[in-house]
N, C-alpha and C. Protein backbone atom coordinates (compact mmCIF):
# COMPACT_ATOMS: atom_id res chain seq x y z
N UNK A 1 56.19 5.75 -10.27
CA UNK A 1 56.52 4.32 -10.48
C UNK A 1 56.30 3.66 -8.91
N UNK A 2 55.56 2.76 -8.97
CA UNK A 2 55.39 2.02 -7.54
C UNK A 2 55.70 0.75 -7.70
N UNK A 3 55.61 -0.12 -8.95
CA UNK A 3 55.98 -1.29 -8.95
C UNK A 3 57.55 -1.68 -9.49
N UNK A 4 57.97 -2.55 -8.38
CA UNK A 4 59.57 -2.99 -8.81
C UNK A 4 59.72 -3.32 -10.12
N UNK A 5 58.98 -4.00 -10.65
CA UNK A 5 59.42 -4.57 -12.19
C UNK A 5 59.46 -3.41 -13.17
N UNK A 6 58.53 -2.36 -12.86
CA UNK A 6 58.51 -1.11 -13.71
C UNK A 6 59.80 -0.27 -13.67
N UNK A 7 60.25 -0.22 -12.46
CA UNK A 7 61.35 0.61 -12.04
C UNK A 7 62.61 -0.19 -12.80
N UNK A 8 62.71 -1.70 -12.74
CA UNK A 8 63.69 -2.24 -13.30
C UNK A 8 63.70 -2.10 -14.67
N UNK A 9 62.51 -2.14 -15.45
CA UNK A 9 62.44 -1.88 -16.88
C UNK A 9 62.96 -0.50 -17.39
N UNK A 10 62.53 0.40 -16.67
CA UNK A 10 63.20 1.71 -16.95
C UNK A 10 64.56 1.83 -16.70
N UNK A 11 64.92 1.37 -15.48
CA UNK A 11 66.48 1.43 -15.37
C UNK A 11 67.11 0.78 -16.37
N UNK A 12 66.71 -0.42 -16.81
CA UNK A 12 67.39 -1.17 -17.88
C UNK A 12 67.31 -0.40 -19.23
N UNK A 13 66.18 0.44 -19.46
CA UNK A 13 66.29 1.46 -20.79
C UNK A 13 67.43 2.39 -20.73
N UNK A 14 67.45 3.03 -19.39
CA UNK A 14 68.41 3.94 -19.18
C UNK A 14 70.03 3.33 -19.24
N UNK A 15 70.07 2.09 -18.72
CA UNK A 15 71.33 1.30 -18.94
C UNK A 15 71.64 1.28 -20.24
N UNK A 16 70.64 0.74 -21.30
CA UNK A 16 71.19 0.54 -22.58
C UNK A 16 71.64 1.88 -23.11
N UNK A 17 71.12 3.13 -22.82
CA UNK A 17 71.71 4.37 -23.37
C UNK A 17 73.39 4.45 -22.96
N UNK A 18 73.41 4.20 -21.43
CA UNK A 18 74.85 4.15 -20.96
C UNK A 18 75.81 3.30 -21.57
N UNK A 19 75.19 2.27 -21.92
CA UNK A 19 76.08 0.98 -22.62
C UNK A 19 76.37 1.44 -24.22
N UNK A 20 75.25 1.82 -24.88
CA UNK A 20 75.70 2.34 -26.38
C UNK A 20 75.95 3.63 -26.64
N UNK A 21 75.95 4.58 -25.62
CA UNK A 21 76.32 5.95 -25.74
C UNK A 21 75.16 6.66 -26.06
N UNK A 22 75.09 8.00 -25.48
CA UNK A 22 74.05 8.98 -25.70
C UNK A 22 73.88 9.18 -27.34
N UNK A 23 75.05 9.20 -27.91
CA UNK A 23 75.20 9.44 -29.43
C UNK A 23 74.10 8.63 -30.39
N UNK A 24 73.93 7.34 -29.79
CA UNK A 24 73.11 6.48 -30.64
C UNK A 24 71.70 6.84 -30.50
N UNK A 25 71.16 7.70 -29.56
CA UNK A 25 69.96 7.99 -29.46
C UNK A 25 69.15 6.64 -29.18
N UNK A 26 67.88 6.40 -30.01
CA UNK A 26 67.31 5.43 -30.09
C UNK A 26 67.20 4.56 -31.31
N UNK A 27 68.23 4.50 -32.11
CA UNK A 27 68.53 4.14 -33.22
C UNK A 27 69.11 2.45 -33.22
N UNK A 28 69.69 2.02 -34.32
CA UNK A 28 70.10 0.48 -34.26
C UNK A 28 70.85 0.16 -33.22
N UNK A 29 71.98 0.71 -32.74
CA UNK A 29 72.73 0.30 -31.64
C UNK A 29 71.89 0.03 -30.32
N UNK A 30 71.17 0.97 -29.99
CA UNK A 30 70.13 1.14 -28.87
C UNK A 30 69.20 0.10 -29.10
N UNK A 31 68.60 -0.27 -30.22
CA UNK A 31 67.58 -1.27 -30.47
C UNK A 31 68.13 -2.48 -30.19
N UNK A 32 69.35 -2.77 -30.94
CA UNK A 32 69.68 -4.14 -30.86
C UNK A 32 70.04 -4.61 -29.58
N UNK A 33 70.75 -3.56 -28.64
CA UNK A 33 71.05 -3.90 -27.19
C UNK A 33 69.72 -4.17 -26.53
N UNK A 34 68.62 -3.17 -26.56
CA UNK A 34 67.60 -3.32 -25.88
C UNK A 34 66.74 -4.66 -26.18
N UNK A 35 66.87 -5.00 -27.59
CA UNK A 35 65.99 -6.24 -27.73
C UNK A 35 66.77 -7.54 -27.12
N UNK A 36 67.83 -7.52 -27.14
CA UNK A 36 68.88 -8.71 -26.36
C UNK A 36 68.77 -8.72 -24.77
N UNK A 37 68.41 -7.79 -24.33
CA UNK A 37 68.09 -7.71 -22.89
C UNK A 37 66.44 -7.94 -22.33
N UNK A 38 65.62 -7.93 -23.60
CA UNK A 38 64.56 -8.31 -23.11
C UNK A 38 63.41 -7.08 -23.17
N UNK A 39 63.87 -6.00 -23.67
CA UNK A 39 62.91 -4.78 -23.75
C UNK A 39 62.26 -4.92 -25.44
N UNK A 40 61.15 -4.26 -25.40
CA UNK A 40 60.51 -4.24 -26.59
C UNK A 40 59.64 -2.94 -26.66
N UNK A 41 59.05 -3.21 -27.95
CA UNK A 41 58.11 -1.97 -28.47
C UNK A 41 58.89 -0.73 -28.89
N UNK A 42 58.14 0.48 -29.20
CA UNK A 42 58.87 1.55 -29.75
C UNK A 42 60.01 1.87 -28.70
N UNK A 43 61.43 1.98 -29.39
CA UNK A 43 62.51 2.25 -28.48
C UNK A 43 62.58 3.37 -27.61
N UNK A 44 61.71 4.39 -28.15
CA UNK A 44 61.37 5.55 -27.22
C UNK A 44 60.87 5.42 -25.86
N UNK A 45 59.98 4.39 -25.98
CA UNK A 45 59.44 4.16 -24.69
C UNK A 45 59.22 2.69 -24.61
N UNK A 46 60.28 1.93 -24.38
CA UNK A 46 60.32 0.62 -24.26
C UNK A 46 59.44 -0.08 -23.16
N UNK A 47 58.93 -1.25 -23.27
CA UNK A 47 58.36 -2.02 -22.54
C UNK A 47 58.78 -3.30 -21.95
N UNK A 48 58.72 -4.09 -20.84
CA UNK A 48 59.48 -5.44 -20.95
C UNK A 48 58.55 -6.51 -21.47
N UNK A 49 59.54 -7.23 -22.23
CA UNK A 49 58.96 -8.38 -22.71
C UNK A 49 58.51 -9.44 -21.81
N UNK A 50 57.89 -10.40 -21.97
CA UNK A 50 57.20 -11.37 -21.12
C UNK A 50 58.32 -12.05 -20.22
N UNK A 51 59.46 -12.25 -21.03
CA UNK A 51 60.58 -12.88 -20.54
C UNK A 51 61.37 -11.98 -19.40
N UNK A 52 61.75 -10.63 -19.76
CA UNK A 52 62.03 -9.74 -18.88
C UNK A 52 61.34 -9.27 -17.88
N UNK A 53 59.93 -9.44 -17.86
CA UNK A 53 58.89 -9.07 -17.00
C UNK A 53 59.03 -10.47 -15.80
N UNK A 54 59.19 -11.63 -16.36
CA UNK A 54 58.99 -12.69 -15.38
C UNK A 54 60.55 -12.65 -14.98
N UNK A 55 61.72 -12.34 -15.26
CA UNK A 55 62.91 -12.03 -14.64
C UNK A 55 62.96 -11.05 -13.69
N UNK A 56 62.22 -9.83 -13.91
CA UNK A 56 62.16 -8.77 -12.92
C UNK A 56 61.26 -9.18 -11.76
N UNK A 57 60.23 -9.86 -12.11
CA UNK A 57 59.33 -10.46 -10.89
C UNK A 57 60.06 -11.42 -9.99
N UNK A 58 60.71 -12.25 -10.47
CA UNK A 58 61.67 -13.23 -9.65
C UNK A 58 62.74 -12.11 -8.80
N UNK A 59 63.42 -11.50 -9.68
CA UNK A 59 64.34 -10.69 -8.78
C UNK A 59 63.59 -9.65 -7.73
N UNK A 60 62.48 -9.25 -7.80
CA UNK A 60 61.90 -8.50 -6.90
C UNK A 60 61.36 -9.38 -5.67
N UNK A 61 61.18 -10.59 -6.00
CA UNK A 61 60.50 -11.56 -4.78
C UNK A 61 61.78 -11.93 -4.11
N UNK A 62 63.07 -11.92 -4.83
CA UNK A 62 64.16 -12.25 -4.17
C UNK A 62 64.67 -10.91 -3.24
N UNK A 63 64.94 -9.88 -3.62
CA UNK A 63 65.39 -8.97 -3.12
C UNK A 63 64.46 -8.03 -2.29
N UNK A 64 63.12 -8.16 -2.41
CA UNK A 64 62.22 -7.67 -1.76
C UNK A 64 61.70 -6.11 -2.44
N UNK A 65 60.73 -5.55 -1.79
CA UNK A 65 60.22 -4.33 -2.32
C UNK A 65 61.28 -3.10 -2.44
N UNK A 66 60.70 -2.23 -3.00
CA UNK A 66 61.58 -1.09 -3.50
C UNK A 66 62.25 -0.35 -2.01
N UNK A 67 63.32 -0.01 -1.81
CA UNK A 67 63.32 0.19 -0.28
C UNK A 67 63.08 1.81 0.02
N UNK A 68 62.69 2.63 -1.01
CA UNK A 68 62.30 3.96 -0.60
C UNK A 68 60.88 4.00 -0.80
N UNK A 69 60.32 2.84 -1.08
CA UNK A 69 58.80 2.72 -1.12
C UNK A 69 58.52 2.80 -2.73
N UNK A 70 58.66 4.08 -3.22
CA UNK A 70 58.20 4.31 -4.69
C UNK A 70 59.03 5.45 -5.15
N UNK A 71 59.04 5.74 -6.50
CA UNK A 71 59.20 6.75 -7.26
C UNK A 71 58.19 7.61 -7.65
N UNK A 72 58.18 8.88 -7.55
CA UNK A 72 57.05 9.45 -7.87
C UNK A 72 57.34 11.05 -8.79
N UNK A 73 56.85 11.56 -9.78
CA UNK A 73 57.25 12.60 -10.45
C UNK A 73 56.46 13.76 -9.75
N UNK A 74 57.20 14.35 -9.06
CA UNK A 74 56.22 15.46 -8.21
C UNK A 74 57.07 16.79 -8.43
N UNK A 75 56.61 17.71 -8.80
CA UNK A 75 57.44 19.08 -8.94
C UNK A 75 58.00 19.52 -7.66
N UNK A 76 59.36 19.90 -7.71
CA UNK A 76 59.94 20.52 -6.55
C UNK A 76 59.35 21.53 -5.88
N UNK A 77 59.38 21.77 -4.84
CA UNK A 77 58.64 23.24 -4.15
C UNK A 77 59.60 24.20 -4.44
N UNK A 78 59.12 25.24 -5.05
CA UNK A 78 60.03 26.45 -5.49
C UNK A 78 60.16 27.46 -4.23
N UNK A 79 59.23 27.70 -3.37
CA UNK A 79 59.25 28.88 -2.56
C UNK A 79 59.15 28.12 -1.10
N UNK A 80 60.04 28.17 -0.32
CA UNK A 80 60.06 27.61 1.12
C UNK A 80 59.45 28.97 1.70
N UNK A 81 58.11 28.78 2.50
CA UNK A 81 57.92 29.54 3.36
C UNK A 81 58.39 29.35 4.79
N UNK A 82 58.57 30.38 5.40
CA UNK A 82 59.29 30.33 6.82
C UNK A 82 58.23 30.54 7.56
N UNK A 83 58.12 30.07 8.95
CA UNK A 83 57.26 30.41 9.98
C UNK A 83 57.66 31.42 10.75
N UNK A 84 56.79 32.08 11.13
CA UNK A 84 56.81 33.47 12.11
C UNK A 84 56.07 32.98 13.40
N UNK A 85 56.32 33.14 14.43
CA UNK A 85 55.36 32.78 15.76
C UNK A 85 55.48 33.92 16.76
N UNK A 86 54.33 34.22 17.38
CA UNK A 86 54.27 35.20 18.46
C UNK A 86 54.89 34.60 19.49
N UNK A 87 55.52 35.19 20.29
CA UNK A 87 56.30 34.57 21.39
C UNK A 87 55.16 34.54 22.44
N UNK A 88 54.29 35.61 22.59
CA UNK A 88 53.23 35.50 23.43
C UNK A 88 52.02 34.84 23.45
N UNK A 89 51.56 34.70 22.21
CA UNK A 89 50.28 34.12 22.23
C UNK A 89 50.36 32.86 21.26
N UNK A 90 51.42 32.62 20.71
CA UNK A 90 51.53 31.59 19.77
C UNK A 90 50.96 31.81 18.25
N UNK A 91 50.64 32.75 18.02
CA UNK A 91 50.08 32.98 16.80
C UNK A 91 51.33 32.74 15.52
N UNK A 92 50.82 32.21 14.31
CA UNK A 92 51.63 31.92 13.56
C UNK A 92 51.26 32.34 12.05
N UNK A 93 52.49 32.69 11.22
CA UNK A 93 52.22 33.03 9.93
C UNK A 93 53.19 32.47 8.87
N UNK A 94 53.16 32.37 7.64
CA UNK A 94 54.20 31.85 6.85
C UNK A 94 54.68 33.11 5.91
N UNK A 95 55.70 33.11 5.52
CA UNK A 95 56.30 34.26 4.91
C UNK A 95 57.57 33.95 4.18
N UNK A 96 57.79 34.32 2.87
CA UNK A 96 59.08 34.00 2.11
C UNK A 96 60.21 34.84 2.61
N UNK A 97 61.39 34.35 2.50
CA UNK A 97 62.65 34.85 2.96
C UNK A 97 62.73 36.25 2.31
N UNK A 98 62.21 36.36 1.15
CA UNK A 98 62.29 37.55 0.34
C UNK A 98 61.77 38.65 1.37
N UNK A 99 60.69 38.70 1.57
CA UNK A 99 59.75 39.55 2.35
C UNK A 99 60.06 39.78 3.87
N UNK A 100 60.72 38.54 4.32
CA UNK A 100 61.25 38.74 5.84
C UNK A 100 62.58 39.57 5.62
N UNK A 101 63.18 39.38 4.74
CA UNK A 101 64.37 40.15 4.50
C UNK A 101 64.09 41.76 4.29
N UNK A 102 63.44 41.78 3.28
CA UNK A 102 63.06 43.43 2.68
C UNK A 102 62.34 43.98 3.75
N UNK A 103 61.50 43.26 4.50
CA UNK A 103 60.63 43.88 5.51
C UNK A 103 61.20 43.55 6.85
N UNK A 104 60.33 43.65 8.00
CA UNK A 104 60.58 43.16 9.25
C UNK A 104 59.45 41.88 9.32
N UNK A 105 59.77 41.04 10.44
CA UNK A 105 58.61 39.92 10.51
C UNK A 105 57.28 40.68 10.73
N UNK A 106 56.36 40.10 10.24
CA UNK A 106 54.98 40.78 10.61
C UNK A 106 54.62 40.90 12.21
N UNK A 107 53.70 41.77 12.33
CA UNK A 107 53.30 42.20 13.89
C UNK A 107 52.05 41.12 14.20
N UNK A 108 52.11 40.71 15.25
CA UNK A 108 50.90 40.01 15.79
C UNK A 108 49.72 40.74 16.13
N UNK A 109 48.69 40.17 15.38
CA UNK A 109 47.40 41.25 15.42
C UNK A 109 46.87 41.52 16.94
N UNK A 110 47.03 40.42 17.57
CA UNK A 110 46.37 40.53 18.96
C UNK A 110 47.49 41.17 19.91
N UNK A 111 48.87 40.60 19.95
CA UNK A 111 49.66 41.48 20.94
C UNK A 111 50.47 42.63 20.47
N UNK A 112 50.54 42.95 19.02
CA UNK A 112 51.19 43.75 18.47
C UNK A 112 52.57 43.97 18.84
N UNK A 113 53.36 42.59 18.69
CA UNK A 113 54.71 42.42 18.71
C UNK A 113 55.13 41.74 17.35
N UNK A 114 56.42 42.15 17.15
CA UNK A 114 56.96 41.26 15.99
C UNK A 114 56.94 40.10 16.30
N UNK A 115 56.44 39.50 15.46
CA UNK A 115 56.65 37.87 15.33
C UNK A 115 58.39 37.23 15.40
N UNK A 116 58.43 35.99 15.94
CA UNK A 116 59.74 35.53 15.67
C UNK A 116 59.88 34.65 14.57
N UNK A 117 61.10 34.95 13.87
CA UNK A 117 61.16 34.02 12.61
C UNK A 117 62.03 32.80 12.82
N UNK A 118 61.50 31.82 12.19
CA UNK A 118 62.57 30.53 12.47
C UNK A 118 63.62 30.71 11.88
N UNK A 119 64.66 29.91 12.36
CA UNK A 119 65.89 30.04 11.65
C UNK A 119 66.85 31.30 12.03
N UNK A 120 66.31 32.41 12.95
CA UNK A 120 66.91 33.51 13.15
C UNK A 120 67.27 34.34 11.84
N UNK A 121 66.23 34.47 10.85
CA UNK A 121 66.49 35.03 9.74
C UNK A 121 66.71 36.67 10.06
N UNK A 122 67.94 37.21 9.43
CA UNK A 122 68.38 38.59 9.91
C UNK A 122 67.64 39.48 8.88
N UNK A 123 66.87 40.43 9.30
CA UNK A 123 66.06 41.39 8.53
C UNK A 123 67.14 42.92 8.56
N UNK A 124 66.76 43.79 7.87
CA UNK A 124 67.07 44.98 7.62
C UNK A 124 67.40 45.74 9.01
N UNK A 125 66.17 45.71 9.71
CA UNK A 125 65.90 46.38 10.85
C UNK A 125 66.77 45.79 12.14
N UNK A 126 66.80 44.53 12.11
CA UNK A 126 67.66 43.94 13.11
C UNK A 126 69.12 44.06 13.06
N UNK A 127 69.53 43.92 11.58
CA UNK A 127 70.86 44.15 11.27
C UNK A 127 71.20 45.92 11.84
N UNK A 128 70.38 46.61 11.51
CA UNK A 128 70.92 48.10 11.74
C UNK A 128 70.64 48.43 13.41
N UNK A 129 69.80 47.55 14.23
CA UNK A 129 69.96 47.50 15.44
C UNK A 129 71.23 47.16 16.23
N UNK A 130 71.84 46.12 15.74
CA UNK A 130 72.93 45.43 16.05
C UNK A 130 74.21 46.13 15.52
N UNK A 131 73.96 47.07 14.89
CA UNK A 131 75.15 47.81 14.13
C UNK A 131 75.80 47.13 13.10
N UNK A 132 75.31 46.49 12.50
CA UNK A 132 75.60 45.63 11.41
C UNK A 132 75.21 46.11 9.95
N UNK A 133 75.83 45.69 8.76
CA UNK A 133 75.22 46.07 7.51
C UNK A 133 74.10 45.44 7.42
N UNK A 134 73.04 45.95 6.60
CA UNK A 134 72.05 45.13 6.33
C UNK A 134 72.00 44.31 5.16
N UNK A 135 71.28 43.05 5.30
CA UNK A 135 71.39 42.12 4.17
C UNK A 135 71.72 42.69 2.69
N UNK A 136 72.37 42.37 1.82
CA UNK A 136 72.79 42.68 0.33
C UNK A 136 71.35 43.06 -0.07
N UNK A 137 70.46 42.20 -0.44
CA UNK A 137 69.29 42.43 -1.06
C UNK A 137 68.37 43.66 -0.49
N UNK A 138 68.46 44.07 0.78
CA UNK A 138 67.81 45.15 1.32
C UNK A 138 68.96 46.46 1.03
N UNK A 139 70.25 46.47 1.35
CA UNK A 139 70.93 47.61 0.85
C UNK A 139 70.78 48.11 -0.55
N UNK A 140 70.33 47.13 -1.33
CA UNK A 140 70.22 47.68 -2.77
C UNK A 140 68.67 48.19 -3.26
N UNK A 141 68.02 47.88 -2.14
CA UNK A 141 66.58 48.35 -2.33
C UNK A 141 66.26 49.63 -1.79
N UNK A 142 65.84 50.59 -2.70
CA UNK A 142 65.58 51.96 -2.33
C UNK A 142 64.12 52.29 -2.88
N UNK A 143 63.24 51.52 -2.18
CA UNK A 143 61.78 51.78 -2.43
C UNK A 143 61.05 52.71 -1.27
N UNK A 144 60.69 53.70 -1.91
CA UNK A 144 60.09 54.92 -1.10
C UNK A 144 58.93 54.55 -0.57
N UNK A 145 57.85 53.45 -1.08
CA UNK A 145 56.86 53.15 -0.59
C UNK A 145 56.95 52.22 0.60
N UNK A 146 58.10 51.60 0.48
CA UNK A 146 58.65 50.41 1.45
C UNK A 146 58.91 51.36 2.69
N UNK A 147 59.60 52.65 2.55
CA UNK A 147 60.07 53.09 3.74
C UNK A 147 58.94 53.74 4.52
N UNK A 148 58.03 54.48 3.67
CA UNK A 148 56.62 54.91 4.12
C UNK A 148 55.98 53.80 5.01
N UNK A 149 55.73 52.60 4.35
CA UNK A 149 55.23 51.49 5.23
C UNK A 149 55.95 51.19 6.44
N UNK A 150 57.40 51.31 6.43
CA UNK A 150 58.07 50.83 7.52
C UNK A 150 57.89 52.14 8.43
N UNK A 151 57.69 53.38 8.19
CA UNK A 151 57.71 54.44 9.18
C UNK A 151 56.02 54.25 9.70
N UNK A 152 55.08 53.87 8.94
CA UNK A 152 53.72 53.60 9.38
C UNK A 152 53.75 52.66 10.29
N UNK A 153 54.41 51.34 10.10
CA UNK A 153 54.41 50.08 11.19
C UNK A 153 55.06 50.71 12.33
N UNK A 154 55.93 51.37 12.24
CA UNK A 154 56.82 51.89 13.43
C UNK A 154 55.94 52.49 14.48
N UNK A 155 55.05 53.52 13.87
CA UNK A 155 54.19 54.27 14.54
C UNK A 155 53.34 53.43 15.38
N UNK A 156 52.91 52.37 14.99
CA UNK A 156 51.95 51.30 15.59
C UNK A 156 50.29 52.01 15.52
N UNK A 157 50.38 52.84 14.12
CA UNK A 157 49.03 53.41 13.96
C UNK A 157 48.03 52.22 13.62
N UNK A 158 46.84 52.39 14.13
CA UNK A 158 45.84 51.11 13.99
C UNK A 158 44.91 51.74 12.60
N UNK A 159 45.01 53.04 12.35
CA UNK A 159 43.77 53.92 11.68
C UNK A 159 44.51 53.47 10.19
N UNK A 160 43.79 52.33 9.57
CA UNK A 160 44.17 51.98 8.11
C UNK A 160 43.72 53.05 7.25
N UNK A 161 43.00 53.91 7.48
CA UNK A 161 42.69 55.07 6.51
C UNK A 161 43.71 55.85 6.04
N UNK A 162 44.68 56.21 7.30
CA UNK A 162 45.89 56.83 6.88
C UNK A 162 46.73 56.23 5.78
N UNK A 163 46.84 55.04 6.07
CA UNK A 163 47.68 53.98 5.35
C UNK A 163 47.07 54.07 3.72
N UNK A 164 45.93 54.01 3.80
CA UNK A 164 45.22 54.03 2.20
C UNK A 164 44.99 55.35 1.73
N UNK A 165 45.47 56.33 2.38
CA UNK A 165 45.12 57.55 1.60
C UNK A 165 46.39 58.39 0.94
N UNK A 166 47.52 57.70 1.45
CA UNK A 166 49.05 58.10 0.82
C UNK A 166 48.82 57.36 -0.20
């Protein structure tokens, strides 16, 4: 919704629900109230009458455009990717908190050093090095393949065939 008038007519529709109660749905009490304030059309998707539209336009002229710019229907981001960066060369990658917690930060392909995670995310290996308990998700995870991958990565072996053969 980018037009102030449209925002006002949707808000008016919702205020009618608040006035007559949600149990009324879009039935007679809702319809009577909506028609009295200048909404028209099917009650499930009301539109402004010419009189309501003129009032809304005059109001928008008086108060100015919607302060936040506009309202949009955008799906909320589900997974936040965290940034990991090499302290030497600046190489960056994005990784989910889950994999940053279950494994260690990725290794820089150029400098062969662990990347630094934004926000100081604690990994299992970091917790163990500091003598702390590992994060709960990691402590509960007993994945033998993950342990083999960790051992492989700790050796710093560049021979991918060994990893593929197991």
